[in-house]
Amino acid sequence: MRPCFFILTILVLSLSVCGAQAATRTLARSGTWEAFGGITTRGAGVCGMSQEVNKRYFGLKLFAGDSTFTIQVGGKIWQIENGKKQSVVMVLDGNRPWRAMATGMHFSDGDAGLEFTINRDELAEFNRQFRDAGQLRLQLPGSTSADWVVDLTGTSAVSDAFGRCTRGLN
């Protein structure tokens, strides 16, 4: 009976260690926004900022070693097929529009979303606009979806924490 208990204990401990390696923690909160950082299930470092309001999600993530940062948006009201391409335009106050081609996806809770990337060398400019703007207008040209206005109140504080986190990534 002792060998089985010993093996079971080692198994539980090894699973606990694996779970601990795939975790993020909140670095800062301000209003509805939070900055987070940690390790992904793939073992890569990640830093991000996100907000979920009125069943709509906006998240920005930078993974260690990637040449782009990822933006994910979505909500219960959207319907999109996985893999379907959708043009997106983001305008932060009066700044020049950010344009990208997004890909339809679904979050783990089943909500529909769009995912797109922006070159990493543009992160400093995006973060400056993001922290200084009052709102982000997300447009989906060619779709029937209305523009989505994201309140950016509180992004200054979470952007600072996000910046500190990204400087720590490889």
N, C-alpha and C. Protein backbone atom coordinates (compact mmCIF):
# COMPACT_ATOMS: atom_id res chain seq x y z
N MET A 1 0.82 -1.18 0.00
CA MET A 1 0.00 0.00 0.00
C MET A 1 0.88 1.25 0.00
N ARG A 2 2.02 1.24 0.68
CA ARG A 2 2.90 2.41 0.71
C ARG A 2 3.40 2.80 -0.68
N PRO A 3 3.82 1.87 -1.53
CA PRO A 3 4.28 2.26 -2.87
C PRO A 3 3.18 2.98 -3.66
N CYS A 4 1.94 2.54 -3.56
CA CYS A 4 0.84 3.19 -4.29
C CYS A 4 0.63 4.60 -3.76
N PHE A 5 0.69 4.77 -2.43
CA PHE A 5 0.54 6.10 -1.84
C PHE A 5 1.67 7.01 -2.29
N PHE A 6 2.90 6.49 -2.31
CA PHE A 6 4.07 7.26 -2.74
C PHE A 6 3.93 7.69 -4.20
N ILE A 7 3.52 6.78 -5.06
CA ILE A 7 3.34 7.08 -6.49
C ILE A 7 2.23 8.11 -6.66
N LEU A 8 1.12 7.94 -5.95
CA LEU A 8 0.00 8.88 -6.04
C LEU A 8 0.43 10.28 -5.57
N THR A 9 1.21 10.36 -4.51
CA THR A 9 1.69 11.64 -4.00
C THR A 9 2.58 12.33 -5.03
N ILE A 10 3.47 11.60 -5.65
CA ILE A 10 4.35 12.17 -6.67
C ILE A 10 3.52 12.66 -7.86
N LEU A 11 2.54 11.89 -8.26
CA LEU A 11 1.68 12.28 -9.38
C LEU A 11 0.94 13.58 -9.07
N VAL A 12 0.35 13.68 -7.90
CA VAL A 12 -0.38 14.89 -7.51
C VAL A 12 0.57 16.09 -7.46
N LEU A 13 1.75 15.92 -6.89
CA LEU A 13 2.71 17.01 -6.82
C LEU A 13 3.18 17.44 -8.22
N SER A 14 3.40 16.49 -9.11
CA SER A 14 3.84 16.86 -10.45
C SER A 14 2.75 17.59 -11.20
N LEU A 15 1.50 17.20 -11.02
CA LEU A 15 0.39 17.92 -11.65
C LEU A 15 0.27 19.32 -11.07
N SER A 16 0.50 19.49 -9.79
CA SER A 16 0.45 20.80 -9.16
C SER A 16 1.53 21.71 -9.74
N VAL A 17 2.71 21.19 -9.95
CA VAL A 17 3.80 21.98 -10.51
C VAL A 17 3.46 22.39 -11.93
N CYS A 18 2.91 21.47 -12.74
CA CYS A 18 2.53 21.81 -14.11
C CYS A 18 1.48 22.90 -14.12
N GLY A 19 0.49 22.81 -13.24
CA GLY A 19 -0.55 23.82 -13.16
C GLY A 19 0.01 25.16 -12.76
N ALA A 20 0.98 25.17 -11.88
CA ALA A 20 1.56 26.42 -11.43
C ALA A 20 2.34 27.09 -12.54
N GLN A 21 2.84 26.31 -13.49
CA GLN A 21 3.60 26.88 -14.59
C GLN A 21 2.70 27.55 -15.62
N ALA A 22 1.42 27.27 -15.59
CA ALA A 22 0.50 27.83 -16.57
C ALA A 22 -0.44 28.80 -15.87
N ALA A 23 0.11 29.90 -15.38
CA ALA A 23 -0.72 30.82 -14.62
C ALA A 23 -0.33 32.26 -14.88
N THR A 24 -1.35 33.11 -14.85
CA THR A 24 -1.11 34.54 -14.88
C THR A 24 -1.66 35.13 -13.59
N ARG A 25 -1.18 36.33 -13.30
CA ARG A 25 -1.71 37.01 -12.11
C ARG A 25 -2.01 38.45 -12.48
N THR A 26 -2.92 39.04 -11.75
CA THR A 26 -3.27 40.44 -11.98
C THR A 26 -2.14 41.31 -11.44
N LEU A 27 -1.66 42.22 -12.29
CA LEU A 27 -0.59 43.12 -11.92
C LEU A 27 -1.12 44.47 -11.46
N ALA A 28 -2.25 44.90 -12.02
CA ALA A 28 -2.87 46.17 -11.65
C ALA A 28 -4.32 46.17 -12.11
N ARG A 29 -5.14 46.92 -11.38
CA ARG A 29 -6.54 47.13 -11.76
C ARG A 29 -6.82 48.62 -11.69
N SER A 30 -7.62 49.08 -12.62
CA SER A 30 -8.07 50.46 -12.61
C SER A 30 -9.40 50.52 -13.33
N GLY A 31 -10.44 50.86 -12.62
CA GLY A 31 -11.78 50.84 -13.21
C GLY A 31 -12.11 49.43 -13.66
N THR A 32 -12.52 49.30 -14.90
CA THR A 32 -12.88 47.98 -15.44
C THR A 32 -11.70 47.27 -16.08
N TRP A 33 -10.52 47.90 -16.06
CA TRP A 33 -9.33 47.36 -16.74
C TRP A 33 -8.42 46.63 -15.78
N GLU A 34 -7.72 45.63 -16.32
CA GLU A 34 -6.68 44.97 -15.54
C GLU A 34 -5.50 44.66 -16.43
N ALA A 35 -4.32 44.72 -15.82
CA ALA A 35 -3.08 44.26 -16.47
C ALA A 35 -2.73 42.94 -15.82
N PHE A 36 -2.20 42.02 -16.62
CA PHE A 36 -1.84 40.71 -16.09
C PHE A 36 -0.53 40.25 -16.71
N GLY A 37 0.08 39.28 -16.07
CA GLY A 37 1.32 38.71 -16.58
C GLY A 37 1.53 37.34 -15.99
N GLY A 38 2.39 36.56 -16.64
CA GLY A 38 2.68 35.24 -16.14
C GLY A 38 3.19 34.33 -17.23
N ILE A 39 2.81 33.06 -17.11
CA ILE A 39 3.29 32.01 -18.01
C ILE A 39 2.09 31.31 -18.64
N THR A 40 2.16 31.06 -19.95
CA THR A 40 1.08 30.36 -20.65
C THR A 40 1.20 28.85 -20.45
N THR A 41 0.21 28.12 -20.93
CA THR A 41 0.27 26.66 -20.85
C THR A 41 1.40 26.10 -21.69
N ARG A 42 1.88 26.88 -22.69
CA ARG A 42 3.03 26.46 -23.50
C ARG A 42 4.35 26.77 -22.80
N GLY A 43 4.26 27.45 -21.66
CA GLY A 43 5.47 27.79 -20.92
C GLY A 43 6.10 29.11 -21.33
N ALA A 44 5.43 29.89 -22.17
CA ALA A 44 5.94 31.18 -22.61
C ALA A 44 5.45 32.29 -21.70
N GLY A 45 6.28 33.32 -21.53
CA GLY A 45 5.85 34.48 -20.78
C GLY A 45 4.81 35.26 -21.56
N VAL A 46 3.88 35.87 -20.83
CA VAL A 46 2.83 36.67 -21.45
C VAL A 46 2.53 37.86 -20.56
N CYS A 47 2.23 38.99 -21.19
CA CYS A 47 1.76 40.19 -20.50
C CYS A 47 0.52 40.65 -21.25
N GLY A 48 -0.41 41.25 -20.54
CA GLY A 48 -1.62 41.70 -21.23
C GLY A 48 -2.41 42.72 -20.46
N MET A 49 -3.41 43.24 -21.12
CA MET A 49 -4.40 44.15 -20.54
C MET A 49 -5.76 43.72 -21.06
N SER A 50 -6.79 43.79 -20.21
CA SER A 50 -8.11 43.37 -20.68
C SER A 50 -9.21 44.06 -19.90
N GLN A 51 -10.39 43.98 -20.50
CA GLN A 51 -11.60 44.53 -19.91
C GLN A 51 -12.76 43.67 -20.39
N GLU A 52 -13.71 43.41 -19.50
CA GLU A 52 -14.96 42.78 -19.91
C GLU A 52 -16.09 43.60 -19.31
N VAL A 53 -16.89 44.20 -20.20
CA VAL A 53 -18.00 45.05 -19.79
C VAL A 53 -19.20 44.71 -20.67
N ASN A 54 -20.37 44.59 -20.03
CA ASN A 54 -21.60 44.29 -20.77
C ASN A 54 -21.45 43.09 -21.70
N LYS A 55 -20.80 42.07 -21.20
CA LYS A 55 -20.62 40.80 -21.93
C LYS A 55 -19.80 40.96 -23.20
N ARG A 56 -18.94 42.01 -23.23
CA ARG A 56 -18.00 42.22 -24.34
C ARG A 56 -16.59 42.24 -23.77
N TYR A 57 -15.69 41.62 -24.48
CA TYR A 57 -14.31 41.48 -24.02
C TYR A 57 -13.36 42.17 -24.99
N PHE A 58 -12.39 42.88 -24.43
CA PHE A 58 -11.28 43.44 -25.21
C PHE A 58 -10.01 43.04 -24.48
N GLY A 59 -9.10 42.40 -25.16
CA GLY A 59 -7.85 41.97 -24.55
C GLY A 59 -6.68 42.14 -25.49
N LEU A 60 -5.56 42.53 -24.92
CA LEU A 60 -4.31 42.70 -25.66
C LEU A 60 -3.27 41.83 -24.96
N LYS A 61 -2.54 41.03 -25.72
CA LYS A 61 -1.54 40.13 -25.14
C LYS A 61 -0.25 40.20 -25.94
N LEU A 62 0.85 40.17 -25.22
CA LEU A 62 2.17 40.08 -25.83
C LEU A 62 2.84 38.83 -25.27
N PHE A 63 3.21 37.93 -26.16
CA PHE A 63 3.86 36.68 -25.76
C PHE A 63 5.36 36.81 -25.98
N ALA A 64 6.14 36.31 -25.05
CA ALA A 64 7.60 36.36 -25.15
C ALA A 64 8.04 35.74 -26.47
N GLY A 65 8.93 36.44 -27.16
CA GLY A 65 9.49 35.92 -28.39
C GLY A 65 8.69 36.19 -29.64
N ASP A 66 7.44 36.67 -29.51
CA ASP A 66 6.62 36.92 -30.69
C ASP A 66 6.99 38.25 -31.33
N SER A 67 6.83 38.33 -32.64
CA SER A 67 7.11 39.57 -33.36
C SER A 67 5.86 40.44 -33.49
N THR A 68 4.74 39.95 -32.95
CA THR A 68 3.49 40.70 -32.97
C THR A 68 2.86 40.65 -31.58
N PHE A 69 1.92 41.58 -31.33
CA PHE A 69 1.08 41.44 -30.15
C PHE A 69 -0.33 41.14 -30.64
N THR A 70 -1.08 40.45 -29.83
CA THR A 70 -2.39 39.92 -30.21
C THR A 70 -3.49 40.70 -29.53
N ILE A 71 -4.51 41.03 -30.29
CA ILE A 71 -5.71 41.65 -29.74
C ILE A 71 -6.86 40.70 -29.99
N GLN A 72 -7.65 40.47 -28.93
CA GLN A 72 -8.84 39.63 -29.03
C GLN A 72 -10.03 40.46 -28.57
N VAL A 73 -11.10 40.42 -29.34
CA VAL A 73 -12.34 41.10 -28.99
C VAL A 73 -13.47 40.11 -29.18
N GLY A 74 -14.52 40.26 -28.40
CA GLY A 74 -15.64 39.34 -28.59
C GLY A 74 -16.75 39.60 -27.61
N GLY A 75 -17.79 38.81 -27.78
CA GLY A 75 -18.92 38.94 -26.88
C GLY A 75 -20.04 38.00 -27.23
N LYS A 76 -20.99 37.94 -26.33
CA LYS A 76 -22.12 37.05 -26.50
C LYS A 76 -23.02 37.45 -27.66
N ILE A 77 -23.00 38.74 -28.03
CA ILE A 77 -23.90 39.20 -29.09
C ILE A 77 -23.37 38.91 -30.48
N TRP A 78 -22.11 38.57 -30.61
CA TRP A 78 -21.52 38.35 -31.92
C TRP A 78 -21.72 36.91 -32.36
N GLN A 79 -21.80 36.75 -33.67
CA GLN A 79 -21.80 35.42 -34.27
C GLN A 79 -20.81 35.46 -35.42
N ILE A 80 -19.83 34.59 -35.37
CA ILE A 80 -18.84 34.52 -36.44
C ILE A 80 -18.32 33.09 -36.51
N GLU A 81 -17.98 32.68 -37.69
CA GLU A 81 -17.45 31.34 -37.90
C GLU A 81 -15.95 31.32 -37.57
N ASN A 82 -15.50 30.24 -36.99
CA ASN A 82 -14.06 30.06 -36.77
C ASN A 82 -13.34 30.14 -38.10
N GLY A 83 -12.27 30.90 -38.12
CA GLY A 83 -11.45 31.01 -39.31
C GLY A 83 -11.91 32.06 -40.32
N LYS A 84 -13.13 32.58 -40.18
CA LYS A 84 -13.63 33.58 -41.12
C LYS A 84 -12.85 34.88 -40.95
N LYS A 85 -12.49 35.50 -42.06
CA LYS A 85 -11.72 36.75 -42.04
C LYS A 85 -12.67 37.94 -41.96
N GLN A 86 -12.26 38.95 -41.18
CA GLN A 86 -13.07 40.16 -40.99
C GLN A 86 -12.14 41.36 -40.86
N SER A 87 -12.37 42.37 -41.66
CA SER A 87 -11.60 43.60 -41.54
C SER A 87 -11.99 44.31 -40.24
N VAL A 88 -10.99 44.85 -39.52
CA VAL A 88 -11.26 45.63 -38.31
C VAL A 88 -10.51 46.96 -38.41
N VAL A 89 -11.12 47.99 -37.83
CA VAL A 89 -10.51 49.30 -37.74
C VAL A 89 -10.70 49.77 -36.30
N MET A 90 -9.59 50.17 -35.67
CA MET A 90 -9.65 50.73 -34.31
C MET A 90 -9.18 52.17 -34.38
N VAL A 91 -9.95 53.05 -33.75
CA VAL A 91 -9.56 54.45 -33.67
C VAL A 91 -9.54 54.84 -32.20
N LEU A 92 -8.39 55.28 -31.74
CA LEU A 92 -8.23 55.74 -30.37
C LEU A 92 -8.28 57.27 -30.38
N ASP A 93 -9.40 57.84 -29.93
CA ASP A 93 -9.66 59.27 -30.02
C ASP A 93 -9.39 59.75 -31.44
N GLY A 94 -8.61 60.80 -31.63
CA GLY A 94 -8.40 61.36 -32.96
C GLY A 94 -7.15 60.85 -33.65
N ASN A 95 -6.54 59.78 -33.15
CA ASN A 95 -5.31 59.25 -33.75
C ASN A 95 -5.62 58.52 -35.05
N ARG A 96 -4.55 58.26 -35.81
CA ARG A 96 -4.72 57.53 -37.06
C ARG A 96 -5.32 56.15 -36.79
N PRO A 97 -6.17 55.67 -37.68
CA PRO A 97 -6.79 54.36 -37.48
C PRO A 97 -5.77 53.22 -37.54
N TRP A 98 -6.01 52.22 -36.72
CA TRP A 98 -5.26 50.97 -36.77
C TRP A 98 -6.12 49.99 -37.56
N ARG A 99 -5.57 49.44 -38.62
CA ARG A 99 -6.32 48.53 -39.49
C ARG A 99 -5.68 47.14 -39.47
N ALA A 100 -6.54 46.13 -39.48
CA ALA A 100 -6.03 44.75 -39.47
C ALA A 100 -7.06 43.82 -40.08
N MET A 101 -6.61 42.63 -40.39
CA MET A 101 -7.51 41.56 -40.83
C MET A 101 -7.59 40.57 -39.67
N ALA A 102 -8.78 40.43 -39.13
CA ALA A 102 -9.00 39.55 -37.97
C ALA A 102 -9.49 38.19 -38.44
N THR A 103 -9.35 37.23 -37.56
CA THR A 103 -9.82 35.87 -37.81
C THR A 103 -10.86 35.51 -36.76
N GLY A 104 -11.99 34.97 -37.21
CA GLY A 104 -13.05 34.54 -36.31
C GLY A 104 -12.59 33.37 -35.45
N MET A 105 -13.02 33.40 -34.19
CA MET A 105 -12.66 32.34 -33.25
C MET A 105 -13.71 32.29 -32.15
N HIS A 106 -13.57 31.32 -31.27
CA HIS A 106 -14.45 31.22 -30.11
C HIS A 106 -13.59 31.05 -28.86
N PHE A 107 -13.98 31.77 -27.81
CA PHE A 107 -13.30 31.66 -26.52
C PHE A 107 -13.72 30.35 -25.85
N SER A 108 -13.03 29.99 -24.78
CA SER A 108 -13.31 28.72 -24.10
C SER A 108 -14.74 28.66 -23.54
N ASP A 109 -15.36 29.83 -23.30
CA ASP A 109 -16.74 29.82 -22.80
C ASP A 109 -17.77 29.77 -23.92
N GLY A 110 -17.30 29.69 -25.18
CA GLY A 110 -18.20 29.59 -26.32
C GLY A 110 -18.52 30.91 -27.00
N ASP A 111 -18.17 32.02 -26.37
CA ASP A 111 -18.43 33.32 -26.98
C ASP A 111 -17.62 33.49 -28.26
N ALA A 112 -18.24 34.13 -29.26
CA ALA A 112 -17.57 34.40 -30.52
C ALA A 112 -16.61 35.57 -30.35
N GLY A 113 -15.54 35.55 -31.13
CA GLY A 113 -14.58 36.63 -31.06
C GLY A 113 -13.78 36.78 -32.34
N LEU A 114 -12.99 37.82 -32.34
CA LEU A 114 -12.06 38.09 -33.43
C LEU A 114 -10.68 38.24 -32.83
N GLU A 115 -9.69 37.76 -33.55
CA GLU A 115 -8.30 37.86 -33.11
C GLU A 115 -7.47 38.42 -34.25
N PHE A 116 -6.62 39.41 -33.93
CA PHE A 116 -5.73 39.97 -34.92
C PHE A 116 -4.45 40.41 -34.25
N THR A 117 -3.45 40.67 -35.06
CA THR A 117 -2.14 41.04 -34.52
C THR A 117 -1.69 42.38 -35.09
N ILE A 118 -0.79 42.99 -34.34
CA ILE A 118 -0.13 44.23 -34.75
C ILE A 118 1.36 44.00 -34.51
N ASN A 119 2.18 44.52 -35.41
CA ASN A 119 3.63 44.33 -35.29
C ASN A 119 4.13 44.83 -33.93
N ARG A 120 5.02 44.05 -33.35
CA ARG A 120 5.57 44.38 -32.04
C ARG A 120 6.28 45.73 -32.02
N ASP A 121 6.91 46.10 -33.14
CA ASP A 121 7.62 47.39 -33.16
C ASP A 121 6.65 48.58 -33.10
N GLU A 122 5.35 48.33 -33.21
CA GLU A 122 4.35 49.38 -33.08
C GLU A 122 3.72 49.41 -31.68
N LEU A 123 4.17 48.52 -30.79
CA LEU A 123 3.58 48.41 -29.46
C LEU A 123 3.71 49.70 -28.65
N ALA A 124 4.87 50.34 -28.67
CA ALA A 124 5.06 51.56 -27.89
C ALA A 124 4.08 52.64 -28.32
N GLU A 125 3.89 52.81 -29.62
CA GLU A 125 2.95 53.83 -30.12
C GLU A 125 1.52 53.45 -29.78
N PHE A 126 1.16 52.18 -29.97
CA PHE A 126 -0.19 51.75 -29.62
C PHE A 126 -0.45 51.97 -28.13
N ASN A 127 0.50 51.58 -27.28
CA ASN A 127 0.32 51.72 -25.84
C ASN A 127 0.22 53.19 -25.44
N ARG A 128 0.98 54.07 -26.09
CA ARG A 128 0.90 55.50 -25.79
C ARG A 128 -0.50 56.02 -26.11
N GLN A 129 -1.02 55.67 -27.28
CA GLN A 129 -2.36 56.10 -27.66
C GLN A 129 -3.41 55.50 -26.73
N PHE A 130 -3.26 54.22 -26.43
CA PHE A 130 -4.20 53.48 -25.59
C PHE A 130 -4.32 54.11 -24.21
N ARG A 131 -3.17 54.47 -23.61
CA ARG A 131 -3.17 55.02 -22.25
C ARG A 131 -3.67 56.46 -22.22
N ASP A 132 -3.48 57.22 -23.32
CA ASP A 132 -3.84 58.63 -23.34
C ASP A 132 -5.24 58.91 -23.87
N ALA A 133 -5.84 57.96 -24.56
CA ALA A 133 -7.15 58.17 -25.19
C ALA A 133 -8.28 57.97 -24.18
N GLY A 134 -9.42 58.56 -24.51
CA GLY A 134 -10.62 58.39 -23.69
C GLY A 134 -11.49 57.24 -24.15
N GLN A 135 -11.41 56.94 -25.46
CA GLN A 135 -12.21 55.83 -25.99
C GLN A 135 -11.55 55.21 -27.20
N LEU A 136 -11.89 53.98 -27.43
CA LEU A 136 -11.47 53.23 -28.61
C LEU A 136 -12.73 52.88 -29.37
N ARG A 137 -12.78 53.23 -30.63
CA ARG A 137 -13.92 52.87 -31.48
C ARG A 137 -13.48 51.71 -32.36
N LEU A 138 -14.17 50.58 -32.22
CA LEU A 138 -13.89 49.38 -33.01
C LEU A 138 -14.95 49.28 -34.10
N GLN A 139 -14.49 49.28 -35.35
CA GLN A 139 -15.40 49.18 -36.49
C GLN A 139 -15.13 47.88 -37.24
N LEU A 140 -16.18 47.28 -37.76
CA LEU A 140 -16.09 46.04 -38.53
C LEU A 140 -16.65 46.31 -39.93
N PRO A 141 -15.83 46.94 -40.80
CA PRO A 141 -16.30 47.29 -42.14
C PRO A 141 -16.82 46.06 -42.89
N GLY A 142 -17.93 46.28 -43.61
CA GLY A 142 -18.51 45.20 -44.41
C GLY A 142 -19.38 44.25 -43.63
N SER A 143 -19.53 44.46 -42.32
CA SER A 143 -20.40 43.59 -41.52
C SER A 143 -21.64 44.39 -41.11
N THR A 144 -22.60 43.71 -40.53
CA THR A 144 -23.81 44.38 -40.04
C THR A 144 -23.66 44.80 -38.59
N SER A 145 -22.51 44.53 -37.98
CA SER A 145 -22.30 44.89 -36.58
C SER A 145 -22.09 46.39 -36.43
N ALA A 146 -22.73 46.95 -35.42
CA ALA A 146 -22.56 48.37 -35.11
C ALA A 146 -21.17 48.58 -34.52
N ASP A 147 -20.67 49.82 -34.64
CA ASP A 147 -19.40 50.16 -34.01
C ASP A 147 -19.49 49.87 -32.52
N TRP A 148 -18.37 49.50 -31.96
CA TRP A 148 -18.29 49.22 -30.53
C TRP A 148 -17.35 50.27 -29.94
N VAL A 149 -17.85 51.04 -28.97
CA VAL A 149 -17.04 52.05 -28.31
C VAL A 149 -16.58 51.48 -26.97
N VAL A 150 -15.26 51.42 -26.80
CA VAL A 150 -14.66 50.88 -25.59
C VAL A 150 -14.17 52.05 -24.74
N ASP A 151 -14.66 52.14 -23.51
CA ASP A 151 -14.23 53.20 -22.59
C ASP A 151 -12.81 52.88 -22.10
N LEU A 152 -11.91 53.83 -22.25
CA LEU A 152 -10.51 53.61 -21.88
C LEU A 152 -10.15 54.25 -20.53
N THR A 153 -11.16 54.64 -19.76
CA THR A 153 -10.89 55.18 -18.43
C THR A 153 -10.16 54.12 -17.61
N GLY A 154 -9.02 54.50 -17.05
CA GLY A 154 -8.24 53.58 -16.22
C GLY A 154 -7.09 52.93 -16.95
N THR A 155 -6.98 53.15 -18.25
CA THR A 155 -5.92 52.46 -19.00
C THR A 155 -4.53 53.02 -18.71
N SER A 156 -4.45 54.24 -18.21
CA SER A 156 -3.13 54.80 -17.90
C SER A 156 -2.41 53.94 -16.86
N ALA A 157 -3.11 53.61 -15.78
CA ALA A 157 -2.49 52.82 -14.70
C ALA A 157 -2.17 51.40 -15.15
N VAL A 158 -3.08 50.75 -15.88
CA VAL A 158 -2.80 49.38 -16.30
C VAL A 158 -1.74 49.35 -17.40
N SER A 159 -1.67 50.40 -18.21
CA SER A 159 -0.63 50.47 -19.24
C SER A 159 0.76 50.55 -18.61
N ASP A 160 0.87 51.26 -17.49
CA ASP A 160 2.16 51.31 -16.79
C ASP A 160 2.58 49.92 -16.33
N ALA A 161 1.65 49.18 -15.73
CA ALA A 161 1.97 47.83 -15.26
C ALA A 161 2.27 46.90 -16.45
N PHE A 162 1.53 47.05 -17.52
CA PHE A 162 1.76 46.27 -18.73
C PHE A 162 3.18 46.55 -19.28
N GLY A 163 3.56 47.82 -19.31
CA GLY A 163 4.89 48.21 -19.79
C GLY A 163 6.00 47.59 -18.96
N ARG A 164 5.83 47.60 -17.64
CA ARG A 164 6.83 46.97 -16.76
C ARG A 164 6.92 45.48 -17.02
N CYS A 165 5.78 44.85 -17.24
CA CYS A 165 5.75 43.42 -17.51
C CYS A 165 6.45 43.10 -18.83
N THR A 166 6.15 43.87 -19.89
CA THR A 166 6.73 43.57 -21.19
C THR A 166 8.24 43.77 -21.20
N ARG A 167 8.74 44.71 -20.41
CA ARG A 167 10.20 44.88 -20.34
C ARG A 167 10.87 43.66 -19.72
N GLY A 168 10.14 42.87 -18.96
CA GLY A 168 10.67 41.67 -18.35
C GLY A 168 10.60 40.44 -19.23
N LEU A 169 9.89 40.54 -20.38
CA LEU A 169 9.80 39.40 -21.30
C LEU A 169 11.09 39.26 -22.08
N ASN A 170 11.43 38.04 -22.47
CA ASN A 170 12.62 37.81 -23.30
C ASN A 170 12.44 38.39 -24.67
